[in-house]
Amino acid sequence: MQLDIPHYTLDFTDRFNETVIENFISEYLDGKTPNPCVLCNKTIKWGAMLEKAESLGADFIATGHYARVKYSPDTGRYNVAVSADLNKDQSYALWQITQYGLSKTLFPLGGYTKPEIRKIASKLGLKSADLPDSQEICFVPNDNYRELLESRKPKLLNQLEGGQIVYKDTTIGEHKGYPYYTIGQRRGLGVSIGKPVYVNKIDPEKNLIYVDDEKSLYTKRFNVKDINLMLHERIENEIDAGVKIRYKDLQNPAKIKQISDDIIEVSFKTPRKAVTPGQSAVFYDGDNVIGGGIINEILE
């Protein structure tokens, strides 16, 4: 025992399977591209794990995420903030944590860079000091989610194979099953029309994949659903924000406007490439996470 503290091994396999893996599969079958790490943070780390921690009498949970938690005495609200190590910052994946969850959270690595943490771990003789960074979805070995889908839904996927690939109202080929494709994909389409084409729309109801030139991938306006706000209880008026539409994205200048209790509309200053339904859009005010939502509809 290197740390000399009580240690509990918790098995959340069933809950992880029910809430994260099943959602991952159902989203692909709905023609979307999910982000399972975001849902895992909400349902497992700040769901099952927080519940267990409180049952053991713990006041807080501490995780190894590169992020920070801030509290505003003026508003009485908590928010996630960007970490000191911008290269390893994980704030994007933490937007679904509730106010209560944030009030019970510590991010001890948030004020350090990854090299600094490795040096500290090495001095303490921790085995984790030299472990390589994880790059994959933990339940999808080699990033091959196709194998997972085939193992869980083999009969259904066989039925989907052979749908049409459509370019400007003309069928130019057949696909291998729409769940195997994602917005912006160019490679592996198996079609040739003398110029590059990209997946720009997936229609699961009609079993169709639509392709077009690269210009068609750019989006000016879209909306998100299942929103969670941190800095504000509600966004009363349109505000400026930096918006990330994928994990390693930069903050893109935009206007955001809350349309209803569950919908926010995003308007980019400059159109962005491959805005993908099912992925997270996270809103920032400088280093502070305003909130986020699941990309839902492409509007313009």
C-alpha atoms as a PDB file:
ATOM      1  CA  MET A   1       0.000   0.000   0.000  1.00  0.00           C
ATOM      2  CA  GLN A   2       1.821   3.107  -1.257  1.00  0.00           C
ATOM      3  CA  LEU A   3      -0.568   5.793   0.015  1.00  0.00           C
ATOM      4  CA  ASP A   4      -1.567   4.231   3.370  1.00  0.00           C
ATOM      5  CA  ILE A   5      -5.244   5.161   3.042  1.00  0.00           C
ATOM      6  CA  PRO A   6      -8.385   2.974   3.020  1.00  0.00           C
ATOM      7  CA  HIS A   7      -8.966   1.431  -0.409  1.00  0.00           C
ATOM      8  CA  TYR A   8     -12.267   0.137  -1.786  1.00  0.00           C
ATOM      9  CA  THR A   9     -12.751  -1.712  -5.066  1.00  0.00           C
ATOM     10  CA  LEU A  10     -16.126  -0.847  -6.578  1.00  0.00           C
ATOM     11  CA  ASP A  11     -17.775  -2.854  -9.343  1.00  0.00           C
ATOM     12  CA  PHE A  12     -20.067  -0.759 -11.536  1.00  0.00           C
ATOM     13  CA  THR A  13     -19.952  -3.114 -14.527  1.00  0.00           C
ATOM     14  CA  ASP A  14     -23.711  -3.547 -14.838  1.00  0.00           C
ATOM     15  CA  ARG A  15     -24.462   0.146 -14.462  1.00  0.00           C
ATOM     16  CA  PHE A  16     -21.711   1.063 -16.933  1.00  0.00           C
ATOM     17  CA  ASN A  17     -23.096  -1.396 -19.440  1.00  0.00           C
ATOM     18  CA  GLU A  18     -26.668  -0.155 -19.005  1.00  0.00           C
ATOM     19  CA  THR A  19     -25.973   3.582 -19.041  1.00  0.00           C
ATOM     20  CA  VAL A  20     -22.846   4.043 -21.165  1.00  0.00           C
ATOM     21  CA  ILE A  21     -22.323   1.127 -23.547  1.00  0.00           C
ATOM     22  CA  GLU A  22     -26.011   0.672 -24.407  1.00  0.00           C
ATOM     23  CA  ASN A  23     -26.331   4.417 -25.060  1.00  0.00           C
ATOM     24  CA  PHE A  24     -23.196   4.312 -27.227  1.00  0.00           C
ATOM     25  CA  ILE A  25     -24.733   1.565 -29.371  1.00  0.00           C
ATOM     26  CA  SER A  26     -28.196   3.135 -29.581  1.00  0.00           C
ATOM     27  CA  GLU A  27     -26.756   6.502 -30.646  1.00  0.00           C
ATOM     28  CA  TYR A  28     -24.835   4.911 -33.524  1.00  0.00           C
ATOM     29  CA  LEU A  29     -27.994   3.046 -34.532  1.00  0.00           C
ATOM     30  CA  ASP A  30     -29.751   6.425 -34.537  1.00  0.00           C
ATOM     31  CA  GLY A  31     -27.188   7.746 -37.033  1.00  0.00           C
ATOM     32  CA  LYS A  32     -25.312   9.834 -34.468  1.00  0.00           C
ATOM     33  CA  THR A  33     -21.742   9.866 -33.151  1.00  0.00           C
ATOM     34  CA  PRO A  34     -21.755   9.690 -29.332  1.00  0.00           C
ATOM     35  CA  ASN A  35     -19.169  10.745 -26.771  1.00  0.00           C
ATOM     36  CA  PRO A  36     -19.279   8.012 -24.102  1.00  0.00           C
ATOM     37  CA  CYS A  37     -16.708   9.669 -21.808  1.00  0.00           C
ATOM     38  CA  VAL A  38     -19.110  12.563 -21.174  1.00  0.00           C
ATOM     39  CA  LEU A  39     -21.902  10.181 -20.188  1.00  0.00           C
ATOM     40  CA  CYS A  40     -19.555   8.056 -18.074  1.00  0.00           C
ATOM     41  CA  ASN A  41     -18.536  11.126 -16.086  1.00  0.00           C
ATOM     42  CA  LYS A  42     -22.185  11.950 -15.406  1.00  0.00           C
ATOM     43  CA  THR A  43     -23.552   8.493 -14.602  1.00  0.00           C
ATOM     44  CA  ILE A  44     -20.577   6.596 -13.188  1.00  0.00           C
ATOM     45  CA  LYS A  45     -18.040   8.987 -11.646  1.00  0.00           C
ATOM     46  CA  TRP A  46     -20.543  11.653 -10.539  1.00  0.00           C
ATOM     47  CA  GLY A  47     -23.370   9.149 -10.228  1.00  0.00           C
ATOM     48  CA  ALA A  48     -22.520   5.710  -8.885  1.00  0.00           C
ATOM     49  CA  MET A  49     -19.110   6.646  -7.459  1.00  0.00           C
ATOM     50  CA  LEU A  50     -20.350   9.788  -5.703  1.00  0.00           C
ATOM     51  CA  GLU A  51     -23.259   7.828  -4.202  1.00  0.00           C
ATOM     52  CA  LYS A  52     -20.862   5.196  -2.874  1.00  0.00           C
ATOM     53  CA  ALA A  53     -18.429   7.800  -1.553  1.00  0.00           C
ATOM     54  CA  GLU A  54     -21.199   9.477   0.425  1.00  0.00           C
ATOM     55  CA  SER A  55     -22.364   6.136   1.812  1.00  0.00           C
ATOM     56  CA  LEU A  56     -18.810   5.667   3.135  1.00  0.00           C
ATOM     57  CA  GLY A  57     -18.912   9.079   4.821  1.00  0.00           C
ATOM     58  CA  ALA A  58     -16.633  10.891   2.355  1.00  0.00           C
ATOM     59  CA  ASP A  59     -17.085  14.650   2.034  1.00  0.00           C
ATOM     60  CA  PHE A  60     -15.645  14.890  -1.492  1.00  0.00           C
ATOM     61  CA  ILE A  61     -14.575  12.830  -4.459  1.00  0.00           C
ATOM     62  CA  ALA A  62     -11.220  13.609  -6.088  1.00  0.00           C
ATOM     63  CA  THR A  63     -10.425  12.513  -9.644  1.00  0.00           C
ATOM     64  CA  GLY A  64      -7.374  12.769 -11.863  1.00  0.00           C
ATOM     65  CA  HIS A  65      -8.992  15.022 -14.453  1.00  0.00           C
ATOM     66  CA  TYR A  66      -7.012  17.981 -15.705  1.00  0.00           C
ATOM     67  CA  ALA A  67      -9.589  20.641 -14.857  1.00  0.00           C
ATOM     68  CA  ARG A  68     -10.526  22.974 -12.004  1.00  0.00           C
ATOM     69  CA  VAL A  69     -13.661  23.745 -10.010  1.00  0.00           C
ATOM     70  CA  LYS A  70     -14.610  27.332  -9.237  1.00  0.00           C
ATOM     71  CA  TYR A  71     -17.255  28.753  -6.921  1.00  0.00           C
ATOM     72  CA  SER A  72     -18.796  32.235  -7.155  1.00  0.00           C
ATOM     73  CA  PRO A  73     -20.030  33.701  -3.837  1.00  0.00           C
ATOM     74  CA  ASP A  74     -21.977  36.274  -5.875  1.00  0.00           C
ATOM     75  CA  THR A  75     -24.112  33.740  -7.729  1.00  0.00           C
ATOM     76  CA  GLY A  76     -23.743  30.762  -5.387  1.00  0.00           C
ATOM     77  CA  ARG A  77     -22.892  28.594  -8.398  1.00  0.00           C
ATOM     78  CA  TYR A  78     -20.053  26.219  -9.235  1.00  0.00           C
ATOM     79  CA  ASN A  79     -18.436  25.723 -12.614  1.00  0.00           C
ATOM     80  CA  VAL A  80     -15.719  23.677 -14.252  1.00  0.00           C
ATOM     81  CA  ALA A  81     -12.725  25.711 -15.432  1.00  0.00           C
ATOM     82  CA  VAL A  82      -9.822  25.013 -17.785  1.00  0.00           C
ATOM     83  CA  SER A  83      -6.738  23.380 -16.243  1.00  0.00           C
ATOM     84  CA  ALA A  84      -3.229  24.808 -16.062  1.00  0.00           C
ATOM     85  CA  ASP A  85      -2.114  22.296 -18.710  1.00  0.00           C
ATOM     86  CA  LEU A  86      -3.958  23.354 -21.855  1.00  0.00           C
ATOM     87  CA  ASN A  87      -2.573  20.379 -23.780  1.00  0.00           C
ATOM     88  CA  LYS A  88      -4.217  17.947 -21.350  1.00  0.00           C
ATOM     89  CA  ASP A  89      -7.264  19.990 -20.391  1.00  0.00           C
ATOM     90  CA  GLN A  90     -10.367  17.793 -19.896  1.00  0.00           C
ATOM     91  CA  SER A  91     -12.969  20.454 -19.135  1.00  0.00           C
ATOM     92  CA  TYR A  92     -14.795  19.606 -22.379  1.00  0.00           C
ATOM     93  CA  ALA A  93     -15.810  16.181 -21.048  1.00  0.00           C
ATOM     94  CA  LEU A  94     -17.097  17.471 -17.696  1.00  0.00           C
ATOM     95  CA  TRP A  95     -19.949  19.763 -18.734  1.00  0.00           C
ATOM     96  CA  GLN A  96     -22.720  17.424 -17.497  1.00  0.00           C
ATOM     97  CA  ILE A  97     -21.732  17.519 -13.819  1.00  0.00           C
ATOM     98  CA  THR A  98     -24.512  18.991 -11.691  1.00  0.00           C
ATOM     99  CA  GLN A  99     -24.136  21.833  -9.206  1.00  0.00           C
ATOM    100  CA  TYR A 100     -24.357  19.324  -6.368  1.00  0.00           C
ATOM    101  CA  GLY A 101     -21.732  17.124  -7.983  1.00  0.00           C
ATOM    102  CA  LEU A 102     -19.362  20.060  -8.423  1.00  0.00           C
ATOM    103  CA  SER A 103     -19.839  21.061  -4.774  1.00  0.00           C
ATOM    104  CA  LYS A 104     -18.500  17.617  -3.824  1.00  0.00           C
ATOM    105  CA  THR A 105     -15.576  17.585  -6.276  1.00  0.00           C
ATOM    106  CA  LEU A 106     -11.838  18.125  -6.029  1.00  0.00           C
ATOM    107  CA  PHE A 107      -9.512  18.207  -9.039  1.00  0.00           C
ATOM    108  CA  PRO A 108      -6.053  18.105  -7.405  1.00  0.00           C
ATOM    109  CA  LEU A 109      -4.218  17.941 -10.759  1.00  0.00           C
ATOM    110  CA  GLY A 110      -5.908  21.004 -12.233  1.00  0.00           C
ATOM    111  CA  GLY A 111      -3.198  23.448 -11.204  1.00  0.00           C
ATOM    112  CA  TYR A 112      -0.332  21.363 -12.617  1.00  0.00           C
ATOM    113  CA  THR A 113       0.972  20.281 -16.000  1.00  0.00           C
ATOM    114  CA  LYS A 114       1.240  16.588 -16.893  1.00  0.00           C
ATOM    115  CA  PRO A 115       5.085  16.644 -16.810  1.00  0.00           C
ATOM    116  CA  GLU A 116       4.946  18.163 -13.317  1.00  0.00           C
ATOM    117  CA  ILE A 117       2.587  15.409 -12.161  1.00  0.00           C
ATOM    118  CA  ARG A 118       4.799  12.693 -13.635  1.00  0.00           C
ATOM    119  CA  LYS A 119       7.790  14.154 -11.795  1.00  0.00           C
ATOM    120  CA  ILE A 120       5.884  14.221  -8.479  1.00  0.00           C
ATOM    121  CA  ALA A 121       4.638  10.658  -8.993  1.00  0.00           C
ATOM    122  CA  SER A 122       8.172   9.494  -9.802  1.00  0.00           C
ATOM    123  CA  LYS A 123       9.555  11.042  -6.614  1.00  0.00           C
ATOM    124  CA  LEU A 124       6.853   9.262  -4.612  1.00  0.00           C
ATOM    125  CA  GLY A 125       7.674   5.969  -6.314  1.00  0.00           C
ATOM    126  CA  LEU A 126       4.179   5.558  -7.764  1.00  0.00           C
ATOM    127  CA  LYS A 127       3.727   2.927 -10.449  1.00  0.00           C
ATOM    128  CA  SER A 128       1.625   5.314 -12.514  1.00  0.00           C
ATOM    129  CA  ALA A 129       4.515   7.746 -13.050  1.00  0.00           C
ATOM    130  CA  ASP A 130       5.526   6.269 -16.418  1.00  0.00           C
ATOM    131  CA  LEU A 131       2.244   4.855 -17.666  1.00  0.00           C
ATOM    132  CA  PRO A 132       1.400   6.005 -21.209  1.00  0.00           C
ATOM    133  CA  ASP A 133      -1.559   8.322 -21.726  1.00  0.00           C
ATOM    134  CA  SER A 134      -4.827   6.621 -22.631  1.00  0.00           C
ATOM    135  CA  GLN A 135      -5.930   7.461 -26.178  1.00  0.00           C
ATOM    136  CA  GLU A 136      -8.868   5.106 -26.727  1.00  0.00           C
ATOM    137  CA  ILE A 137     -12.421   4.662 -25.549  1.00  0.00           C
ATOM    138  CA  CYS A 138     -11.898   2.215 -22.688  1.00  0.00           C
ATOM    139  CA  PHE A 139     -14.439  -0.369 -23.891  1.00  0.00           C
ATOM    140  CA  VAL A 140     -13.509  -0.126 -27.602  1.00  0.00           C
ATOM    141  CA  PRO A 141     -10.102  -1.811 -28.110  1.00  0.00           C
ATOM    142  CA  ASN A 142      -7.996  -0.305 -30.914  1.00  0.00           C
ATOM    143  CA  ASP A 143     -10.743   2.275 -31.492  1.00  0.00           C
ATOM    144  CA  ASN A 144     -12.639  -0.338 -33.526  1.00  0.00           C
ATOM    145  CA  TYR A 145     -16.226   0.328 -32.479  1.00  0.00           C
ATOM    146  CA  ARG A 146     -17.447  -1.744 -35.443  1.00  0.00           C
ATOM    147  CA  GLU A 147     -16.486  -4.949 -33.615  1.00  0.00           C
ATOM    148  CA  LEU A 148     -18.504  -3.842 -30.583  1.00  0.00           C
ATOM    149  CA  LEU A 149     -21.574  -3.082 -32.684  1.00  0.00           C
ATOM    150  CA  GLU A 150     -21.292  -6.396 -34.541  1.00  0.00           C
ATOM    151  CA  SER A 151     -20.987  -8.344 -31.287  1.00  0.00           C
ATOM    152  CA  ARG A 152     -24.071  -6.665 -29.778  1.00  0.00           C
ATOM    153  CA  LYS A 153     -26.366  -6.237 -32.832  1.00  0.00           C
ATOM    154  CA  PRO A 154     -25.236  -8.700 -35.538  1.00  0.00           C
ATOM    155  CA  LYS A 155     -28.655  -9.456 -37.064  1.00  0.00           C
ATOM    156  CA  LEU A 156     -29.706  -5.810 -37.232  1.00  0.00           C
ATOM    157  CA  LEU A 157     -26.450  -4.675 -38.832  1.00  0.00           C
ATOM    158  CA  ASN A 158     -26.697  -7.391 -41.470  1.00  0.00           C
ATOM    159  CA  GLN A 159     -30.118  -6.016 -42.397  1.00  0.00           C
ATOM    160  CA  LEU A 160     -28.715  -2.494 -42.785  1.00  0.00           C
ATOM    161  CA  GLU A 161     -25.933  -3.451 -45.179  1.00  0.00           C
ATOM    162  CA  GLY A 162     -26.537  -2.481 -48.806  1.00  0.00           C
ATOM    163  CA  GLY A 163     -28.276   0.843 -48.261  1.00  0.00           C
ATOM    164  CA  GLN A 164     -27.650   3.591 -50.786  1.00  0.00           C
ATOM    165  CA  ILE A 165     -24.932   6.237 -50.834  1.00  0.00           C
ATOM    166  CA  VAL A 166     -26.453   9.350 -52.394  1.00  0.00           C
ATOM    167  CA  TYR A 167     -24.693  12.292 -54.054  1.00  0.00           C
ATOM    168  CA  LYS A 168     -26.922  15.182 -55.161  1.00  0.00           C
ATOM    169  CA  ASP A 169     -30.029  12.970 -55.506  1.00  0.00           C
ATOM    170  CA  THR A 170     -28.112  10.289 -57.436  1.00  0.00           C
ATOM    171  CA  THR A 171     -27.207   6.864 -56.029  1.00  0.00           C
ATOM    172  CA  ILE A 172     -23.470   6.325 -56.473  1.00  0.00           C
ATOM    173  CA  GLY A 173     -22.920   3.199 -54.369  1.00  0.00           C
ATOM    174  CA  GLU A 174     -23.950   1.027 -51.458  1.00  0.00           C
ATOM    175  CA  HIS A 175     -22.830   1.331 -47.850  1.00  0.00           C
ATOM    176  CA  LYS A 176     -21.953  -1.380 -45.333  1.00  0.00           C
ATOM    177  CA  GLY A 177     -24.441  -0.178 -42.709  1.00  0.00           C
ATOM    178  CA  TYR A 178     -24.977   3.461 -41.748  1.00  0.00           C
ATOM    179  CA  PRO A 179     -23.803   3.037 -38.100  1.00  0.00           C
ATOM    180  CA  TYR A 180     -20.278   2.524 -39.457  1.00  0.00           C
ATOM    181  CA  TYR A 181     -20.132   6.073 -40.861  1.00  0.00           C
ATOM    182  CA  THR A 182     -19.771   9.495 -39.299  1.00  0.00           C
ATOM    183  CA  ILE A 183     -20.111  13.084 -40.444  1.00  0.00           C
ATOM    184  CA  GLY A 184     -17.011  14.296 -42.279  1.00  0.00           C
ATOM    185  CA  GLN A 185     -15.817  10.794 -43.195  1.00  0.00           C
ATOM    186  CA  ARG A 186     -13.982  10.540 -46.522  1.00  0.00           C
ATOM    187  CA  ARG A 187     -12.051   7.268 -46.369  1.00  0.00           C
ATOM    188  CA  GLY A 188     -13.647   3.867 -46.740  1.00  0.00           C
ATOM    189  CA  LEU A 189     -16.732   5.018 -48.657  1.00  0.00           C
ATOM    190  CA  GLY A 190     -16.020   2.754 -51.625  1.00  0.00           C
ATOM    191  CA  VAL A 191     -17.241   5.271 -54.193  1.00  0.00           C
ATOM    192  CA  SER A 192     -15.462   7.240 -56.902  1.00  0.00           C
ATOM    193  CA  ILE A 193     -16.852  10.213 -58.822  1.00  0.00           C
ATOM    194  CA  GLY A 194     -13.594  11.858 -59.836  1.00  0.00           C
ATOM    195  CA  LYS A 195     -13.309  14.119 -56.790  1.00  0.00           C
ATOM    196  CA  PRO A 196     -13.280  13.745 -52.997  1.00  0.00           C
ATOM    197  CA  VAL A 197     -16.651  13.450 -51.288  1.00  0.00           C
ATOM    198  CA  TYR A 198     -17.505  13.372 -47.593  1.00  0.00           C
ATOM    199  CA  VAL A 199     -20.385  12.079 -45.485  1.00  0.00           C
ATOM    200  CA  ASN A 200     -22.526  15.115 -44.716  1.00  0.00           C
ATOM    201  CA  LYS A 201     -25.794  13.496 -43.599  1.00  0.00           C
ATOM    202  CA  ILE A 202     -26.969  10.143 -42.250  1.00  0.00           C
ATOM    203  CA  ASP A 203     -30.638   9.134 -42.520  1.00  0.00           C
ATOM    204  CA  PRO A 204     -31.197   6.050 -40.313  1.00  0.00           C
ATOM    205  CA  GLU A 205     -34.935   5.817 -41.105  1.00  0.00           C
ATOM    206  CA  LYS A 206     -34.315   5.459 -44.853  1.00  0.00           C
ATOM    207  CA  ASN A 207     -30.943   3.687 -44.415  1.00  0.00           C
ATOM    208  CA  LEU A 208     -29.213   6.319 -46.552  1.00  0.00           C
ATOM    209  CA  ILE A 209     -25.775   7.930 -46.451  1.00  0.00           C
ATOM    210  CA  TYR A 210     -25.499  11.333 -48.152  1.00  0.00           C
ATOM    211  CA  VAL A 211     -22.167  12.601 -49.456  1.00  0.00           C
ATOM    212  CA  ASP A 212     -21.051  15.881 -50.993  1.00  0.00           C
ATOM    213  CA  ASP A 213     -17.977  18.050 -51.414  1.00  0.00           C
ATOM    214  CA  GLU A 214     -16.012  19.445 -48.472  1.00  0.00           C
ATOM    215  CA  LYS A 215     -17.818  22.786 -48.578  1.00  0.00           C
ATOM    216  CA  SER A 216     -21.053  21.044 -47.570  1.00  0.00           C
ATOM    217  CA  LEU A 217     -19.528  20.094 -44.198  1.00  0.00           C
ATOM    218  CA  TYR A 218     -19.408  23.670 -42.897  1.00  0.00           C
ATOM    219  CA  THR A 219     -22.089  24.749 -40.431  1.00  0.00           C
ATOM    220  CA  LYS A 220     -22.992  28.261 -39.320  1.00  0.00           C
ATOM    221  CA  ARG A 221     -25.907  27.528 -36.982  1.00  0.00           C
ATOM    222  CA  PHE A 222     -27.106  24.512 -34.987  1.00  0.00           C
ATOM    223  CA  ASN A 223     -28.858  23.676 -31.749  1.00  0.00           C
ATOM    224  CA  VAL A 224     -28.104  21.446 -28.790  1.00  0.00           C
ATOM    225  CA  LYS A 225     -30.376  19.495 -26.447  1.00  0.00           C
ATOM    226  CA  ASP A 226     -30.050  17.990 -22.942  1.00  0.00           C
ATOM    227  CA  ILE A 227     -28.323  21.159 -21.770  1.00  0.00           C
ATOM    228  CA  ASN A 228     -26.593  21.662 -18.436  1.00  0.00           C
ATOM    229  CA  LEU A 229     -25.654  25.182 -17.344  1.00  0.00           C
ATOM    230  CA  MET A 230     -23.009  26.015 -14.763  1.00  0.00           C
ATOM    231  CA  LEU A 231     -22.280  29.748 -14.738  1.00  0.00           C
ATOM    232  CA  HIS A 232     -25.952  30.652 -15.106  1.00  0.00           C
ATOM    233  CA  GLU A 233     -29.193  29.071 -14.013  1.00  0.00           C
ATOM    234  CA  ARG A 234     -30.624  30.221 -17.333  1.00  0.00           C
ATOM    235  CA  ILE A 235     -29.308  32.307 -20.241  1.00  0.00           C
ATOM    236  CA  GLU A 236     -31.871  35.111 -20.469  1.00  0.00           C
ATOM    237  CA  ASN A 237     -30.394  36.919 -23.490  1.00  0.00           C
ATOM    238  CA  GLU A 238     -28.089  36.021 -26.353  1.00  0.00           C
ATOM    239  CA  ILE A 239     -24.464  36.050 -25.169  1.00  0.00           C
ATOM    240  CA  ASP A 240     -20.986  35.646 -26.625  1.00  0.00           C
ATOM    241  CA  ALA A 241     -19.180  32.371 -25.986  1.00  0.00           C
ATOM    242  CA  GLY A 242     -16.267  30.261 -27.145  1.00  0.00           C
ATOM    243  CA  VAL A 243     -17.691  26.953 -28.370  1.00  0.00           C
ATOM    244  CA  LYS A 244     -15.906  23.616 -28.672  1.00  0.00           C
ATOM    245  CA  ILE A 245     -17.560  20.955 -30.828  1.00  0.00           C
ATOM    246  CA  ARG A 246     -15.001  18.185 -30.181  1.00  0.00           C
ATOM    247  CA  TYR A 247     -12.496  17.213 -27.515  1.00  0.00           C
ATOM    248  CA  LYS A 248      -9.315  18.734 -29.009  1.00  0.00           C
ATOM    249  CA  ASP A 249     -11.100  21.686 -30.583  1.00  0.00           C
ATOM    250  CA  LEU A 250     -10.258  25.326 -29.957  1.00  0.00           C
ATOM    251  CA  GLN A 251     -12.837  27.741 -28.603  1.00  0.00           C
ATOM    252  CA  ASN A 252     -14.711  29.072 -31.654  1.00  0.00           C
ATOM    253  CA  PRO A 253     -16.344  32.526 -31.302  1.00  0.00           C
ATOM    254  CA  ALA A 254     -20.128  32.262 -31.344  1.00  0.00           C
ATOM    255  CA  LYS A 255     -23.411  33.627 -30.049  1.00  0.00           C
ATOM    256  CA  ILE A 256     -25.509  31.314 -27.894  1.00  0.00           C
ATOM    257  CA  LYS A 257     -29.193  31.778 -27.112  1.00  0.00           C
ATOM    258  CA  GLN A 258     -31.399  29.652 -24.880  1.00  0.00           C
ATOM    259  CA  ILE A 259     -34.563  28.755 -26.789  1.00  0.00           C
ATOM    260  CA  SER A 260     -36.274  26.637 -24.119  1.00  0.00           C
ATOM    261  CA  ASP A 261     -35.504  24.794 -20.893  1.00  0.00           C
ATOM    262  CA  ASP A 262     -33.653  22.128 -22.866  1.00  0.00           C
ATOM    263  CA  ILE A 263     -32.495  23.783 -26.125  1.00  0.00           C
ATOM    264  CA  ILE A 264     -29.712  26.278 -26.876  1.00  0.00           C
ATOM    265  CA  GLU A 265     -29.043  27.664 -30.358  1.00  0.00           C
ATOM    266  CA  VAL A 266     -25.452  28.306 -31.441  1.00  0.00           C
ATOM    267  CA  SER A 267     -24.420  30.716 -34.206  1.00  0.00           C
ATOM    268  CA  PHE A 268     -20.740  30.654 -35.165  1.00  0.00           C
ATOM    269  CA  LYS A 269     -18.981  33.820 -36.254  1.00  0.00           C
ATOM    270  CA  THR A 270     -17.214  31.685 -38.888  1.00  0.00           C
ATOM    271  CA  PRO A 271     -18.727  28.390 -40.123  1.00  0.00           C
ATOM    272  CA  ARG A 272     -17.144  25.272 -38.641  1.00  0.00           C
ATOM    273  CA  LYS A 273     -16.429  21.947 -40.310  1.00  0.00           C
ATOM    274  CA  ALA A 274     -18.176  18.666 -39.427  1.00  0.00           C
ATOM    275  CA  VAL A 275     -20.530  19.702 -36.643  1.00  0.00           C
ATOM    276  CA  THR A 276     -21.670  16.196 -35.695  1.00  0.00           C
ATOM    277  CA  PRO A 277     -25.020  15.266 -34.098  1.00  0.00           C
ATOM    278  CA  GLY A 278     -24.489  13.218 -30.940  1.00  0.00           C
ATOM    279  CA  GLN A 279     -21.252  14.958 -30.006  1.00  0.00           C
ATOM    280  CA  SER A 280     -21.027  17.567 -27.230  1.00  0.00           C
ATOM    281  CA  ALA A 281     -20.901  21.302 -27.775  1.00  0.00           C
ATOM    282  CA  VAL A 282     -19.363  23.036 -24.751  1.00  0.00           C
ATOM    283  CA  PHE A 283     -19.609  26.773 -24.109  1.00  0.00           C
ATOM    284  CA  TYR A 284     -16.847  28.820 -22.502  1.00  0.00           C
ATOM    285  CA  ASP A 285     -16.423  32.302 -21.085  1.00  0.00           C
ATOM    286  CA  GLY A 286     -12.635  32.500 -21.126  1.00  0.00           C
ATOM    287  CA  ASP A 287     -11.402  29.729 -18.816  1.00  0.00           C
ATOM    288  CA  ASN A 288     -14.860  29.078 -17.372  1.00  0.00           C
ATOM    289  CA  VAL A 289     -17.307  26.493 -18.664  1.00  0.00           C
ATOM    290  CA  ILE A 290     -20.706  28.130 -19.139  1.00  0.00           C
ATOM    291  CA  GLY A 291     -22.331  24.786 -19.854  1.00  0.00           C
ATOM    292  CA  GLY A 292     -22.996  22.491 -22.760  1.00  0.00           C
ATOM    293  CA  GLY A 293     -25.383  20.257 -24.657  1.00  0.00           C
ATOM    294  CA  ILE A 294     -25.630  17.429 -27.170  1.00  0.00           C
ATOM    295  CA  ILE A 295     -25.483  18.561 -30.812  1.00  0.00           C
ATOM    296  CA  ASN A 296     -28.978  17.959 -32.127  1.00  0.00           C
ATOM    297  CA  GLU A 297     -30.027  19.742 -35.335  1.00  0.00           C
ATOM    298  CA  ILE A 298     -27.998  21.441 -38.076  1.00  0.00           C
ATOM    299  CA  LEU A 299     -29.892  24.622 -38.906  1.00  0.00           C
ATOM    300  CA  GLU A 300     -27.669  26.456 -41.412  1.00  0.00           C
END
